[in-house]
Amino acid sequence: MERPNKAQRLQAEFVIEAYRQGFFPMADSVTGGISWYSPDPRAIIPLETFHVPQSLKRILRKREFDIRVDTAFEEVIGGCADRPETWISSEIKEVYCDLHRKGFAHSVESWRGGKLVGGLYGVAIGAGFFGESMFSRRSNASSVALASLVVRLRERNFRLLDSQFINAHIARFGAIEISRELYLRLLKNVVGDPVSF
């Protein structure tokens, strides 16, 4: 993949092509400079074995949150960036909002009392969803959004949920690490599928 000139702003079309080849951008939290990543190993959440912890099952049964999709994308990415150190620079926000307008980037949102209290966003290409970030302003708000995302992906015949890197939070839901070689094979098999988010 030919990388863009440092003086050039990120373009939505370039970012989509990067995802198709297994790369994603992140900005330096200090300088804002964009770097491209294709980690080895790569973290994914297998949709068929997604695990819902018992504590989250109770919250889902209570329907504590109103789940919405794509109603507040800019607010969700802003919530994800609202932390002392973030890789979500103004340039990243700008290009992902453009991807949202073009129908590639999506948000799953947790609302309570008419207020956005958590959610996540990512990119859908073919039968793959590439999770980018999540945030919570109330306990479990992002976890409920993730569980709702998985239901939606299953219903629409998605076959890959990419979480990029593994951490303790997503490991609770059954995230695993696979080699970059295996990831790229899975990626090739899903990006051309005619499914819709």
N, C-alpha and C. Protein backbone atom coordinates (compact mmCIF):
# COMPACT_ATOMS: atom_id res chain seq x y z
N MET A 1 0.84 -1.18 0.00
CA MET A 1 0.00 0.00 0.00
C MET A 1 0.88 1.24 0.00
N GLU A 2 0.64 2.13 -0.93
CA GLU A 2 1.40 3.38 -0.99
C GLU A 2 0.86 4.34 0.05
N ARG A 3 1.74 4.80 0.93
CA ARG A 3 1.30 5.69 2.01
C ARG A 3 1.14 7.11 1.49
N PRO A 4 0.19 7.86 2.08
CA PRO A 4 0.01 9.24 1.63
C PRO A 4 1.18 10.12 2.06
N ASN A 5 1.42 11.17 1.29
CA ASN A 5 2.41 12.17 1.64
C ASN A 5 2.01 12.80 2.97
N LYS A 6 2.99 13.07 3.85
CA LYS A 6 2.69 13.62 5.18
C LYS A 6 1.92 14.93 5.10
N ALA A 7 2.12 15.67 4.00
CA ALA A 7 1.44 16.96 3.87
C ALA A 7 -0.02 16.79 3.46
N GLN A 8 -0.38 15.60 2.98
CA GLN A 8 -1.75 15.37 2.52
C GLN A 8 -2.67 15.03 3.69
N ARG A 9 -3.91 15.50 3.62
CA ARG A 9 -4.90 15.09 4.60
C ARG A 9 -5.39 13.70 4.26
N LEU A 10 -5.82 12.97 5.28
CA LEU A 10 -6.40 11.64 5.04
C LEU A 10 -7.62 11.77 4.14
N GLN A 11 -7.77 10.83 3.23
CA GLN A 11 -8.93 10.79 2.35
C GLN A 11 -9.72 9.52 2.63
N ALA A 12 -11.03 9.62 2.61
CA ALA A 12 -11.88 8.48 2.92
C ALA A 12 -11.58 7.28 2.02
N GLU A 13 -11.40 7.51 0.74
CA GLU A 13 -11.16 6.42 -0.21
C GLU A 13 -9.87 5.68 0.12
N PHE A 14 -8.83 6.43 0.51
CA PHE A 14 -7.56 5.81 0.86
C PHE A 14 -7.72 4.95 2.11
N VAL A 15 -8.48 5.46 3.10
CA VAL A 15 -8.68 4.72 4.34
C VAL A 15 -9.42 3.41 4.08
N ILE A 16 -10.43 3.44 3.22
CA ILE A 16 -11.16 2.22 2.89
C ILE A 16 -10.24 1.20 2.23
N GLU A 17 -9.41 1.65 1.31
CA GLU A 17 -8.47 0.74 0.65
C GLU A 17 -7.48 0.16 1.65
N ALA A 18 -7.07 0.97 2.63
CA ALA A 18 -6.17 0.48 3.67
C ALA A 18 -6.82 -0.64 4.48
N TYR A 19 -8.09 -0.44 4.88
CA TYR A 19 -8.80 -1.49 5.61
C TYR A 19 -8.86 -2.77 4.78
N ARG A 20 -9.11 -2.64 3.50
CA ARG A 20 -9.19 -3.81 2.63
C ARG A 20 -7.87 -4.59 2.61
N GLN A 21 -6.78 -3.91 2.91
CA GLN A 21 -5.47 -4.56 2.91
C GLN A 21 -4.96 -4.87 4.32
N GLY A 22 -5.81 -4.62 5.33
CA GLY A 22 -5.45 -5.00 6.69
C GLY A 22 -4.82 -3.91 7.53
N PHE A 23 -4.83 -2.66 7.07
CA PHE A 23 -4.24 -1.55 7.80
C PHE A 23 -5.32 -0.63 8.36
N PHE A 24 -4.98 0.08 9.42
CA PHE A 24 -5.85 1.12 9.96
C PHE A 24 -4.97 2.25 10.51
N PRO A 25 -5.50 3.49 10.52
CA PRO A 25 -4.70 4.64 10.98
C PRO A 25 -4.93 4.97 12.44
N MET A 26 -3.88 5.47 13.09
CA MET A 26 -3.98 6.03 14.43
C MET A 26 -3.08 7.25 14.48
N ALA A 27 -3.50 8.24 15.24
CA ALA A 27 -2.71 9.46 15.37
C ALA A 27 -1.90 9.45 16.67
N ASP A 28 -0.73 10.06 16.63
CA ASP A 28 0.07 10.23 17.83
C ASP A 28 -0.65 11.21 18.75
N SER A 29 -0.75 10.87 20.04
CA SER A 29 -1.54 11.69 20.97
C SER A 29 -0.91 13.06 21.21
N VAL A 30 0.38 13.21 20.93
CA VAL A 30 1.06 14.48 21.15
C VAL A 30 1.17 15.29 19.86
N THR A 31 1.70 14.66 18.81
CA THR A 31 1.98 15.41 17.57
C THR A 31 0.80 15.40 16.60
N GLY A 32 -0.08 14.41 16.74
CA GLY A 32 -1.18 14.28 15.78
C GLY A 32 -0.78 13.58 14.50
N GLY A 33 0.48 13.20 14.37
CA GLY A 33 0.96 12.52 13.16
C GLY A 33 0.27 11.17 13.00
N ILE A 34 -0.08 10.82 11.77
CA ILE A 34 -0.79 9.57 11.48
C ILE A 34 0.19 8.45 11.18
N SER A 35 -0.02 7.30 11.83
CA SER A 35 0.72 6.08 11.51
C SER A 35 -0.27 4.99 11.12
N TRP A 36 0.23 4.02 10.35
CA TRP A 36 -0.62 2.93 9.87
C TRP A 36 -0.20 1.63 10.55
N TYR A 37 -1.19 0.84 10.96
CA TYR A 37 -0.94 -0.37 11.73
C TYR A 37 -1.60 -1.59 11.08
N SER A 38 -0.87 -2.69 11.15
CA SER A 38 -1.41 -4.00 10.77
C SER A 38 -0.79 -5.00 11.74
N PRO A 39 -1.33 -5.06 12.97
CA PRO A 39 -0.66 -5.81 14.04
C PRO A 39 -0.60 -7.31 13.79
N ASP A 40 0.43 -7.91 14.35
CA ASP A 40 0.61 -9.36 14.32
C ASP A 40 1.05 -9.79 15.72
N PRO A 41 0.19 -10.43 16.51
CA PRO A 41 -1.13 -10.96 16.14
C PRO A 41 -2.20 -9.86 16.07
N ARG A 42 -3.35 -10.23 15.50
CA ARG A 42 -4.49 -9.33 15.35
C ARG A 42 -5.62 -9.85 16.22
N ALA A 43 -6.32 -8.94 16.88
CA ALA A 43 -7.44 -9.35 17.74
C ALA A 43 -8.75 -9.30 16.96
N ILE A 44 -9.53 -10.34 17.11
CA ILE A 44 -10.88 -10.40 16.56
C ILE A 44 -11.82 -10.92 17.64
N ILE A 45 -13.11 -10.65 17.46
CA ILE A 45 -14.13 -11.24 18.33
C ILE A 45 -14.97 -12.17 17.47
N PRO A 46 -14.78 -13.49 17.57
CA PRO A 46 -15.57 -14.41 16.74
C PRO A 46 -17.06 -14.24 17.02
N LEU A 47 -17.82 -13.94 16.00
CA LEU A 47 -19.24 -13.66 16.18
C LEU A 47 -20.00 -14.89 16.69
N GLU A 48 -19.57 -16.07 16.26
CA GLU A 48 -20.30 -17.28 16.64
C GLU A 48 -20.07 -17.66 18.10
N THR A 49 -18.99 -17.16 18.72
CA THR A 49 -18.70 -17.53 20.11
C THR A 49 -18.66 -16.30 21.02
N PHE A 50 -19.28 -15.21 20.59
CA PHE A 50 -19.32 -14.00 21.42
C PHE A 50 -19.90 -14.35 22.79
N HIS A 51 -19.21 -13.94 23.84
CA HIS A 51 -19.61 -14.30 25.20
C HIS A 51 -20.20 -13.09 25.92
N VAL A 52 -21.40 -13.26 26.45
CA VAL A 52 -22.04 -12.21 27.24
C VAL A 52 -21.92 -12.59 28.72
N PRO A 53 -21.13 -11.86 29.50
CA PRO A 53 -21.01 -12.17 30.94
C PRO A 53 -22.37 -12.10 31.64
N GLN A 54 -22.51 -12.88 32.71
CA GLN A 54 -23.78 -12.95 33.43
C GLN A 54 -24.25 -11.58 33.91
N SER A 55 -23.32 -10.76 34.40
CA SER A 55 -23.70 -9.44 34.89
C SER A 55 -24.29 -8.59 33.77
N LEU A 56 -23.75 -8.73 32.56
CA LEU A 56 -24.26 -7.97 31.43
C LEU A 56 -25.61 -8.52 30.96
N LYS A 57 -25.80 -9.83 31.05
CA LYS A 57 -27.10 -10.42 30.70
C LYS A 57 -28.21 -9.82 31.53
N ARG A 58 -27.94 -9.60 32.83
CA ARG A 58 -28.96 -9.03 33.70
C ARG A 58 -29.30 -7.59 33.26
N ILE A 59 -28.28 -6.85 32.89
CA ILE A 59 -28.50 -5.46 32.45
C ILE A 59 -29.27 -5.44 31.14
N LEU A 60 -28.94 -6.36 30.23
CA LEU A 60 -29.66 -6.42 28.95
C LEU A 60 -31.13 -6.77 29.17
N ARG A 61 -31.40 -7.66 30.11
CA ARG A 61 -32.80 -8.03 30.40
C ARG A 61 -33.58 -6.85 30.96
N LYS A 62 -32.91 -6.01 31.73
CA LYS A 62 -33.59 -4.86 32.34
C LYS A 62 -33.83 -3.73 31.33
N ARG A 63 -33.15 -3.79 30.17
CA ARG A 63 -33.28 -2.74 29.14
C ARG A 63 -33.04 -1.36 29.74
N GLU A 64 -31.90 -1.23 30.39
CA GLU A 64 -31.56 0.04 31.03
C GLU A 64 -31.22 1.14 30.03
N PHE A 65 -30.83 0.73 28.82
CA PHE A 65 -30.41 1.69 27.82
C PHE A 65 -31.26 1.58 26.56
N ASP A 66 -31.46 2.71 25.92
CA ASP A 66 -32.10 2.76 24.61
C ASP A 66 -30.98 2.70 23.57
N ILE A 67 -30.99 1.68 22.72
CA ILE A 67 -29.93 1.50 21.73
C ILE A 67 -30.37 2.11 20.40
N ARG A 68 -29.53 2.97 19.87
CA ARG A 68 -29.77 3.58 18.57
C ARG A 68 -28.55 3.37 17.68
N VAL A 69 -28.78 3.44 16.38
CA VAL A 69 -27.70 3.24 15.41
C VAL A 69 -27.63 4.45 14.49
N ASP A 70 -26.43 5.00 14.39
CA ASP A 70 -26.15 6.08 13.43
C ASP A 70 -26.99 7.34 13.64
N THR A 71 -27.38 7.64 14.86
CA THR A 71 -28.12 8.87 15.10
C THR A 71 -27.24 9.99 15.65
N ALA A 72 -26.03 9.64 16.13
CA ALA A 72 -25.16 10.65 16.76
C ALA A 72 -23.70 10.28 16.54
N PHE A 73 -23.34 10.02 15.28
CA PHE A 73 -21.99 9.54 15.00
C PHE A 73 -20.92 10.50 15.50
N GLU A 74 -21.07 11.78 15.19
CA GLU A 74 -20.05 12.76 15.59
C GLU A 74 -19.91 12.83 17.11
N GLU A 75 -21.01 12.73 17.82
CA GLU A 75 -20.96 12.75 19.28
C GLU A 75 -20.27 11.50 19.83
N VAL A 76 -20.48 10.36 19.18
CA VAL A 76 -19.84 9.12 19.63
C VAL A 76 -18.33 9.21 19.44
N ILE A 77 -17.88 9.63 18.27
CA ILE A 77 -16.43 9.72 18.06
C ILE A 77 -15.83 10.78 18.99
N GLY A 78 -16.60 11.84 19.26
CA GLY A 78 -16.14 12.84 20.23
C GLY A 78 -16.02 12.27 21.62
N GLY A 79 -16.98 11.42 22.02
CA GLY A 79 -16.92 10.77 23.33
C GLY A 79 -15.73 9.83 23.43
N CYS A 80 -15.44 9.11 22.35
CA CYS A 80 -14.29 8.21 22.34
C CYS A 80 -12.98 8.97 22.45
N ALA A 81 -12.93 10.16 21.89
CA ALA A 81 -11.70 10.97 21.91
C ALA A 81 -11.52 11.73 23.21
N ASP A 82 -12.56 11.82 24.02
CA ASP A 82 -12.55 12.66 25.22
C ASP A 82 -11.85 11.94 26.37
N ARG A 83 -10.53 11.91 26.30
CA ARG A 83 -9.71 11.30 27.34
C ARG A 83 -8.34 11.99 27.34
N PRO A 84 -7.57 11.87 28.40
CA PRO A 84 -6.30 12.62 28.49
C PRO A 84 -5.35 12.35 27.31
N GLU A 85 -5.24 11.10 26.91
CA GLU A 85 -4.41 10.76 25.75
C GLU A 85 -5.28 10.01 24.76
N THR A 86 -5.24 10.45 23.51
CA THR A 86 -6.09 9.81 22.51
C THR A 86 -5.39 9.75 21.16
N TRP A 87 -5.67 8.70 20.42
CA TRP A 87 -5.17 8.59 19.05
C TRP A 87 -6.19 9.14 18.06
N ILE A 88 -7.31 9.64 18.57
CA ILE A 88 -8.37 10.17 17.71
C ILE A 88 -8.17 11.68 17.57
N SER A 89 -7.35 12.07 16.63
CA SER A 89 -7.03 13.48 16.40
C SER A 89 -8.17 14.15 15.62
N SER A 90 -8.07 15.45 15.44
CA SER A 90 -9.06 16.16 14.64
C SER A 90 -9.09 15.63 13.21
N GLU A 91 -7.92 15.24 12.68
CA GLU A 91 -7.87 14.70 11.33
C GLU A 91 -8.57 13.34 11.26
N ILE A 92 -8.35 12.51 12.26
CA ILE A 92 -9.05 11.22 12.33
C ILE A 92 -10.56 11.45 12.42
N LYS A 93 -10.99 12.35 13.29
CA LYS A 93 -12.42 12.64 13.40
C LYS A 93 -12.99 13.06 12.05
N GLU A 94 -12.29 13.94 11.38
CA GLU A 94 -12.77 14.48 10.11
C GLU A 94 -12.97 13.38 9.07
N VAL A 95 -11.99 12.49 8.94
CA VAL A 95 -12.09 11.47 7.90
C VAL A 95 -13.14 10.43 8.25
N TYR A 96 -13.28 10.09 9.54
CA TYR A 96 -14.29 9.09 9.90
C TYR A 96 -15.70 9.66 9.79
N CYS A 97 -15.86 10.95 10.05
CA CYS A 97 -17.17 11.57 9.82
C CYS A 97 -17.49 11.56 8.33
N ASP A 98 -16.47 11.74 7.49
CA ASP A 98 -16.67 11.63 6.04
C ASP A 98 -17.03 10.20 5.65
N LEU A 99 -16.36 9.23 6.27
CA LEU A 99 -16.69 7.82 6.02
C LEU A 99 -18.13 7.52 6.44
N HIS A 100 -18.57 8.15 7.53
CA HIS A 100 -19.95 7.98 7.97
C HIS A 100 -20.92 8.55 6.93
N ARG A 101 -20.63 9.73 6.43
CA ARG A 101 -21.49 10.33 5.41
C ARG A 101 -21.54 9.48 4.15
N LYS A 102 -20.45 8.77 3.86
CA LYS A 102 -20.38 7.93 2.67
C LYS A 102 -20.96 6.53 2.91
N GLY A 103 -21.40 6.25 4.14
CA GLY A 103 -22.05 4.98 4.44
C GLY A 103 -21.14 3.87 4.90
N PHE A 104 -19.88 4.17 5.22
CA PHE A 104 -18.94 3.14 5.66
C PHE A 104 -18.79 3.09 7.18
N ALA A 105 -18.75 4.23 7.85
CA ALA A 105 -18.54 4.26 9.30
C ALA A 105 -19.89 4.36 10.01
N HIS A 106 -20.00 3.64 11.12
CA HIS A 106 -21.28 3.54 11.83
C HIS A 106 -21.07 3.65 13.33
N SER A 107 -22.12 4.10 14.02
CA SER A 107 -22.09 4.16 15.48
C SER A 107 -23.25 3.35 16.04
N VAL A 108 -22.97 2.69 17.16
CA VAL A 108 -24.01 2.04 17.95
C VAL A 108 -24.00 2.75 19.29
N GLU A 109 -25.14 3.29 19.69
CA GLU A 109 -25.21 4.26 20.78
C GLU A 109 -26.10 3.78 21.93
N SER A 110 -25.64 4.03 23.13
CA SER A 110 -26.45 3.76 24.33
C SER A 110 -26.96 5.09 24.87
N TRP A 111 -28.29 5.21 24.95
CA TRP A 111 -28.94 6.42 25.44
C TRP A 111 -29.68 6.10 26.74
N ARG A 112 -29.74 7.08 27.63
CA ARG A 112 -30.53 6.93 28.86
C ARG A 112 -31.09 8.30 29.25
N GLY A 113 -32.37 8.35 29.46
CA GLY A 113 -33.00 9.62 29.80
C GLY A 113 -32.82 10.67 28.73
N GLY A 114 -32.78 10.23 27.48
CA GLY A 114 -32.62 11.17 26.38
C GLY A 114 -31.21 11.68 26.19
N LYS A 115 -30.22 11.12 26.90
CA LYS A 115 -28.83 11.56 26.78
C LYS A 115 -27.95 10.41 26.29
N LEU A 116 -27.00 10.74 25.44
CA LEU A 116 -26.01 9.77 24.97
C LEU A 116 -25.05 9.48 26.12
N VAL A 117 -24.99 8.22 26.55
CA VAL A 117 -24.16 7.87 27.71
C VAL A 117 -23.07 6.86 27.37
N GLY A 118 -22.99 6.44 26.12
CA GLY A 118 -21.94 5.51 25.72
C GLY A 118 -22.17 5.02 24.31
N GLY A 119 -21.19 4.30 23.80
CA GLY A 119 -21.35 3.76 22.46
C GLY A 119 -20.02 3.37 21.85
N LEU A 120 -20.09 3.03 20.59
CA LEU A 120 -18.89 2.63 19.85
C LEU A 120 -19.06 3.03 18.40
N TYR A 121 -17.93 3.03 17.68
CA TYR A 121 -18.00 3.26 16.24
C TYR A 121 -16.98 2.38 15.54
N GLY A 122 -17.23 2.17 14.25
CA GLY A 122 -16.32 1.36 13.45
C GLY A 122 -16.69 1.50 11.99
N VAL A 123 -16.04 0.68 11.19
CA VAL A 123 -16.19 0.74 9.73
C VAL A 123 -16.69 -0.60 9.22
N ALA A 124 -17.69 -0.57 8.34
CA ALA A 124 -18.22 -1.79 7.73
C ALA A 124 -17.83 -1.83 6.25
N ILE A 125 -17.18 -2.93 5.88
CA ILE A 125 -16.83 -3.16 4.48
C ILE A 125 -17.17 -4.61 4.18
N GLY A 126 -18.08 -4.83 3.22
CA GLY A 126 -18.51 -6.18 2.94
C GLY A 126 -19.10 -6.81 4.20
N ALA A 127 -18.67 -8.04 4.51
CA ALA A 127 -19.16 -8.73 5.70
C ALA A 127 -18.20 -8.60 6.87
N GLY A 128 -17.40 -7.54 6.86
CA GLY A 128 -16.48 -7.27 7.96
C GLY A 128 -16.82 -5.97 8.66
N PHE A 129 -16.76 -5.98 9.99
CA PHE A 129 -16.91 -4.75 10.76
C PHE A 129 -15.63 -4.56 11.55
N PHE A 130 -15.06 -3.36 11.42
CA PHE A 130 -13.76 -3.05 12.00
C PHE A 130 -13.97 -2.05 13.14
N GLY A 131 -14.01 -2.59 14.35
CA GLY A 131 -14.27 -1.76 15.52
C GLY A 131 -13.11 -0.81 15.79
N GLU A 132 -13.44 0.44 16.09
CA GLU A 132 -12.42 1.45 16.31
C GLU A 132 -12.28 1.86 17.77
N SER A 133 -13.37 2.26 18.39
CA SER A 133 -13.27 2.72 19.78
C SER A 133 -14.65 2.70 20.42
N MET A 134 -14.66 2.76 21.75
CA MET A 134 -15.90 2.83 22.50
C MET A 134 -15.71 3.73 23.71
N PHE A 135 -16.82 4.18 24.28
CA PHE A 135 -16.73 5.01 25.48
C PHE A 135 -17.98 4.79 26.33
N SER A 136 -17.85 5.12 27.61
CA SER A 136 -18.97 5.02 28.55
C SER A 136 -18.98 6.23 29.46
N ARG A 137 -20.14 6.79 29.64
CA ARG A 137 -20.34 7.81 30.67
C ARG A 137 -21.18 7.25 31.82
N ARG A 138 -21.72 6.05 31.59
CA ARG A 138 -22.42 5.31 32.65
C ARG A 138 -21.93 3.87 32.60
N SER A 139 -21.89 3.23 33.74
CA SER A 139 -21.40 1.86 33.82
C SER A 139 -22.14 0.95 32.84
N ASN A 140 -21.38 0.18 32.07
CA ASN A 140 -21.88 -0.83 31.13
C ASN A 140 -22.48 -0.28 29.84
N ALA A 141 -22.46 1.03 29.65
CA ALA A 141 -23.07 1.59 28.45
C ALA A 141 -22.39 1.11 27.17
N SER A 142 -21.06 1.05 27.17
CA SER A 142 -20.36 0.59 25.96
C SER A 142 -20.50 -0.91 25.78
N SER A 143 -20.56 -1.66 26.87
CA SER A 143 -20.73 -3.11 26.77
C SER A 143 -22.08 -3.48 26.17
N VAL A 144 -23.12 -2.74 26.55
CA VAL A 144 -24.44 -2.96 25.97
C VAL A 144 -24.42 -2.63 24.48
N ALA A 145 -23.71 -1.57 24.11
CA ALA A 145 -23.58 -1.21 22.69
C ALA A 145 -22.87 -2.31 21.92
N LEU A 146 -21.82 -2.88 22.51
CA LEU A 146 -21.10 -3.96 21.85
C LEU A 146 -21.98 -5.19 21.66
N ALA A 147 -22.71 -5.58 22.70
CA ALA A 147 -23.61 -6.73 22.59
C ALA A 147 -24.66 -6.48 21.52
N SER A 148 -25.16 -5.26 21.44
CA SER A 148 -26.16 -4.91 20.42
C SER A 148 -25.55 -4.93 19.03
N LEU A 149 -24.31 -4.49 18.92
CA LEU A 149 -23.61 -4.57 17.63
C LEU A 149 -23.52 -6.01 17.15
N VAL A 150 -23.15 -6.92 18.04
CA VAL A 150 -22.99 -8.33 17.65
C VAL A 150 -24.32 -8.91 17.17
N VAL A 151 -25.41 -8.59 17.86
CA VAL A 151 -26.73 -9.05 17.41
C VAL A 151 -26.99 -8.56 15.99
N ARG A 152 -26.72 -7.30 15.74
CA ARG A 152 -26.95 -6.71 14.42
C ARG A 152 -26.08 -7.38 13.36
N LEU A 153 -24.81 -7.59 13.67
CA LEU A 153 -23.91 -8.22 12.70
C LEU A 153 -24.34 -9.65 12.37
N ARG A 154 -24.75 -10.38 13.38
CA ARG A 154 -25.24 -11.75 13.14
C ARG A 154 -26.48 -11.74 12.25
N GLU A 155 -27.42 -10.84 12.55
CA GLU A 155 -28.67 -10.78 11.78
C GLU A 155 -28.40 -10.46 10.31
N ARG A 156 -27.34 -9.71 10.05
CA ARG A 156 -27.04 -9.27 8.67
C ARG A 156 -25.95 -10.09 8.01
N ASN A 157 -25.60 -11.22 8.60
CA ASN A 157 -24.65 -12.18 8.01
C ASN A 157 -23.23 -11.66 7.88
N PHE A 158 -22.83 -10.80 8.81
CA PHE A 158 -21.42 -10.43 8.89
C PHE A 158 -20.62 -11.63 9.38
N ARG A 159 -19.35 -11.68 8.97
CA ARG A 159 -18.53 -12.85 9.33
C ARG A 159 -17.22 -12.49 10.02
N LEU A 160 -16.94 -11.20 10.16
CA LEU A 160 -15.70 -10.79 10.82
C LEU A 160 -15.97 -9.56 11.67
N LEU A 161 -15.57 -9.63 12.95
CA LEU A 161 -15.58 -8.47 13.84
C LEU A 161 -14.14 -8.27 14.31
N ASP A 162 -13.50 -7.27 13.74
CA ASP A 162 -12.09 -6.97 14.02
C ASP A 162 -12.01 -6.00 15.19
N SER A 163 -11.24 -6.35 16.21
CA SER A 163 -11.05 -5.43 17.33
C SER A 163 -9.61 -4.94 17.43
N GLN A 164 -8.80 -5.26 16.43
CA GLN A 164 -7.44 -4.73 16.26
C GLN A 164 -6.46 -5.23 17.32
N PHE A 165 -6.59 -4.73 18.54
CA PHE A 165 -5.72 -5.13 19.65
C PHE A 165 -6.58 -5.74 20.75
N ILE A 166 -5.97 -6.61 21.54
CA ILE A 166 -6.73 -7.23 22.64
C ILE A 166 -6.45 -6.48 23.94
N ASN A 167 -7.47 -6.41 24.78
CA ASN A 167 -7.29 -5.89 26.14
C ASN A 167 -8.24 -6.66 27.06
N ALA A 168 -8.13 -6.40 28.35
CA ALA A 168 -8.92 -7.18 29.31
C ALA A 168 -10.42 -6.99 29.10
N HIS A 169 -10.81 -5.79 28.67
CA HIS A 169 -12.24 -5.52 28.50
C HIS A 169 -12.84 -6.38 27.39
N ILE A 170 -12.25 -6.38 26.21
CA ILE A 170 -12.84 -7.16 25.13
C ILE A 170 -12.56 -8.65 25.27
N ALA A 171 -11.52 -9.01 26.03
CA ALA A 171 -11.26 -10.43 26.28
C ALA A 171 -12.44 -11.07 27.03
N ARG A 172 -13.14 -10.27 27.85
CA ARG A 172 -14.33 -10.78 28.57
C ARG A 172 -15.40 -11.30 27.62
N PHE A 173 -15.41 -10.77 26.39
CA PHE A 173 -16.45 -11.12 25.43
C PHE A 173 -16.01 -12.22 24.46
N GLY A 174 -14.83 -12.78 24.69
CA GLY A 174 -14.37 -13.87 23.84
C GLY A 174 -13.40 -13.45 22.75
N ALA A 175 -12.83 -12.25 22.85
CA ALA A 175 -11.85 -11.82 21.86
C ALA A 175 -10.65 -12.76 21.88
N ILE A 176 -10.10 -13.01 20.71
CA ILE A 176 -8.92 -13.86 20.58
C ILE A 176 -7.91 -13.17 19.68
N GLU A 177 -6.69 -13.66 19.71
CA GLU A 177 -5.65 -13.17 18.80
C GLU A 177 -5.35 -14.23 17.76
N ILE A 178 -5.21 -13.79 16.51
CA ILE A 178 -4.83 -14.69 15.43
C ILE A 178 -3.65 -14.06 14.68
N SER A 179 -2.96 -14.87 13.92
CA SER A 179 -1.82 -14.34 13.17
C SER A 179 -2.27 -13.38 12.08
N ARG A 180 -1.39 -12.47 11.69
CA ARG A 180 -1.72 -11.56 10.60
C ARG A 180 -2.03 -12.34 9.32
N GLU A 181 -1.29 -13.43 9.10
CA GLU A 181 -1.51 -14.24 7.89
C GLU A 181 -2.94 -14.78 7.86
N LEU A 182 -3.40 -15.33 8.98
CA LEU A 182 -4.77 -15.85 9.03
C LEU A 182 -5.77 -14.71 8.91
N TYR A 183 -5.50 -13.60 9.58
CA TYR A 183 -6.40 -12.45 9.51
C TYR A 183 -6.58 -11.98 8.07
N LEU A 184 -5.48 -11.88 7.33
CA LEU A 184 -5.56 -11.40 5.95
C LEU A 184 -6.34 -12.38 5.07
N ARG A 185 -6.26 -13.67 5.37
CA ARG A 185 -7.06 -14.64 4.62
C ARG A 185 -8.55 -14.45 4.91
N LEU A 186 -8.89 -14.26 6.20
CA LEU A 186 -10.28 -14.01 6.57
C LEU A 186 -10.78 -12.72 5.92
N LEU A 187 -9.94 -11.70 5.96
CA LEU A 187 -10.30 -10.40 5.41
C LEU A 187 -10.63 -10.51 3.93
N LYS A 188 -9.79 -11.21 3.19
CA LYS A 188 -9.98 -11.37 1.75
C LYS A 188 -11.33 -12.03 1.45
N ASN A 189 -11.76 -12.91 2.33
CA ASN A 189 -13.00 -13.66 2.10
C ASN A 189 -14.26 -12.88 2.45
N VAL A 190 -14.12 -11.73 3.15
CA VAL A 190 -15.33 -11.03 3.59
C VAL A 190 -15.55 -9.66 2.94
N VAL A 191 -14.47 -8.99 2.51
CA VAL A 191 -14.63 -7.59 2.09
C VAL A 191 -15.47 -7.42 0.82
N GLY A 192 -15.60 -8.47 0.03
CA GLY A 192 -16.38 -8.35 -1.19
C GLY A 192 -17.81 -8.81 -1.07
N ASP A 193 -18.21 -9.28 0.12
CA ASP A 193 -19.57 -9.79 0.30
C ASP A 193 -20.61 -8.66 0.22
N PRO A 194 -21.71 -8.88 -0.47
CA PRO A 194 -22.73 -7.84 -0.63
C PRO A 194 -23.72 -7.79 0.53
N VAL A 195 -23.21 -7.53 1.75
CA VAL A 195 -24.12 -7.40 2.89
C VAL A 195 -24.17 -5.93 3.30
N SER A 196 -25.19 -5.58 4.03
CA SER A 196 -25.40 -4.18 4.41
C SER A 196 -25.48 -4.05 5.93
N PHE A 197 -24.85 -3.02 6.47
CA PHE A 197 -24.90 -2.78 7.91
C PHE A 197 -26.30 -2.30 8.32
